[in-house]
Amino acid sequence: MTLSDTVLLKTFTHYFLHLVFPVFIALIFFRKNWKKAYLIMLATMLVDLDHIFANPVFDPSRNSIGFHILHSYYAIAVYFLLLFFKGNIRIVGIGLLFHMLTDFLDFNLWMH
């Protein structure tokens, strides 16, 4: 596999996990309101706004987890606590935790 193939596969995997896989989560766990659940999980992508405070904004060799404020371990603990609420708050928690998992996998699977 060439370097460009690896970069393409990494990019595809990253965006698939961020944008497409939440549909499956919504369909499995929130079948009645899967569209609403999916849109809420997509909205949790706004957590990446914390990247604008970094210099450089994007660094492929940097692990987002533990670096950016909304990707900190403290923030992740709060996201975990959201799972104990009902309704939309729980969906937000699921979306944020899945986002953190995706970023963790993105760095740890491809950078090592």
Protein backbone atom coordinates (compact mmCIF):
# COMPACT_ATOMS: atom_id res chain seq x y z
CA MET A 1 0.00 0.00 0.00
CA THR A 2 1.45 3.36 -1.00
CA LEU A 3 1.55 6.42 1.23
CA SER A 4 -1.18 8.11 -0.80
CA ASP A 5 -3.37 4.98 -0.47
CA THR A 6 -2.85 5.04 3.30
CA VAL A 7 -3.74 8.73 3.52
CA LEU A 8 -6.85 8.14 1.43
CA LEU A 9 -7.91 5.17 3.59
CA LYS A 10 -7.25 7.14 6.79
CA THR A 11 -9.29 10.10 5.52
CA PHE A 12 -12.15 7.88 4.37
CA THR A 13 -12.20 5.99 7.68
CA HIS A 14 -12.12 9.20 9.72
CA TYR A 15 -15.03 10.82 7.93
CA PHE A 16 -16.99 7.57 7.70
CA LEU A 17 -16.80 7.18 11.48
CA HIS A 18 -17.69 10.84 12.08
CA LEU A 19 -20.46 11.23 9.51
CA VAL A 20 -21.87 7.85 8.45
CA PHE A 21 -21.45 5.43 11.36
CA PRO A 22 -23.67 7.54 13.67
CA VAL A 23 -26.57 6.61 11.35
CA PHE A 24 -26.13 3.00 12.43
CA ILE A 25 -25.98 4.00 16.10
CA ALA A 26 -29.19 6.01 15.63
CA LEU A 27 -30.94 3.17 13.80
CA ILE A 28 -29.97 0.58 16.41
CA PHE A 29 -30.59 2.53 19.61
CA PHE A 30 -33.13 5.18 18.59
CA ARG A 31 -35.15 3.46 15.88
CA LYS A 32 -38.33 5.53 16.37
CA ASN A 33 -36.51 8.87 16.17
CA TRP A 34 -33.37 7.83 14.33
CA LYS A 35 -33.27 10.94 12.12
CA LYS A 36 -33.41 13.26 15.12
CA ALA A 37 -30.79 11.19 16.97
CA TYR A 38 -28.53 11.21 13.91
CA LEU A 39 -28.81 14.99 13.53
CA ILE A 40 -28.03 15.50 17.21
CA MET A 41 -24.96 13.27 16.90
CA LEU A 42 -23.88 15.20 13.81
CA ALA A 43 -24.26 18.43 15.78
CA THR A 44 -21.76 17.11 18.31
CA MET A 45 -19.14 17.60 15.60
CA LEU A 46 -19.15 21.22 16.77
CA VAL A 47 -16.89 19.98 19.55
CA ASP A 48 -14.10 20.40 16.99
CA LEU A 49 -14.42 24.18 17.29
CA ASP A 50 -11.78 23.93 20.01
CA HIS A 51 -9.26 23.23 17.26
CA ILE A 52 -9.32 26.91 16.25
CA PHE A 53 -7.43 27.77 19.44
CA ALA A 54 -4.49 25.54 18.51
CA ASN A 55 -1.45 26.55 16.51
CA PRO A 56 -1.44 25.11 13.93
CA VAL A 57 -5.19 24.54 13.76
CA PHE A 58 -4.62 21.11 12.21
CA ASP A 59 -1.59 18.95 12.87
CA PRO A 60 -1.87 15.35 11.63
CA SER A 61 0.82 14.25 14.08
CA ARG A 62 -1.04 15.65 17.11
CA ASN A 63 -3.45 13.61 19.20
CA SER A 64 -6.62 15.65 19.77
CA ILE A 65 -7.45 13.67 22.90
CA GLY A 66 -5.88 15.40 25.87
CA PHE A 67 -4.72 18.37 23.78
CA HIS A 68 -7.78 20.44 22.92
CA ILE A 69 -9.98 21.72 25.75
CA LEU A 70 -13.17 20.01 24.54
CA HIS A 71 -11.15 16.84 23.90
CA SER A 72 -9.63 16.84 27.40
CA TYR A 73 -10.01 13.99 29.83
CA TYR A 74 -12.12 16.26 32.07
CA ALA A 75 -14.47 17.01 29.17
CA ILE A 76 -14.67 13.30 28.32
CA ALA A 77 -15.67 12.59 31.94
CA VAL A 78 -18.51 15.11 31.59
CA TYR A 79 -19.56 13.50 28.30
CA PHE A 80 -19.68 10.15 30.10
CA LEU A 81 -21.93 11.62 32.80
CA LEU A 82 -24.37 12.73 30.09
CA LEU A 83 -25.14 9.05 29.49
CA PHE A 84 -27.00 8.97 32.82
CA PHE A 85 -29.57 11.51 31.63
CA LYS A 86 -32.56 10.73 29.45
CA GLY A 87 -33.58 12.00 26.05
CA ASN A 88 -31.54 14.34 23.92
CA ILE A 89 -28.85 14.86 26.57
CA ARG A 90 -28.02 11.15 26.43
CA ILE A 91 -27.82 11.31 22.62
CA VAL A 92 -25.42 14.27 22.91
CA GLY A 93 -23.29 12.22 25.32
CA ILE A 94 -23.23 9.27 22.93
CA GLY A 95 -22.31 11.51 20.01
CA LEU A 96 -19.52 13.23 21.94
CA LEU A 97 -18.08 9.97 23.27
CA PHE A 98 -18.18 8.38 19.83
CA HIS A 99 -16.45 11.47 18.45
CA MET A 100 -13.70 11.08 21.07
CA LEU A 101 -13.38 7.38 20.25
CA THR A 102 -13.08 8.19 16.55
CA ASP A 103 -10.37 10.79 17.20
CA PHE A 104 -8.55 8.38 19.51
CA LEU A 105 -8.64 5.61 16.90
CA ASP A 106 -7.69 8.02 14.15
CA PHE A 107 -4.49 8.94 15.92
CA ASN A 108 -3.57 5.63 17.50
CA LEU A 109 -4.32 3.34 14.55
CA TRP A 110 -2.60 5.41 11.90
CA MET A 111 0.26 7.12 13.69
CA HIS A 112 1.86 4.01 15.19
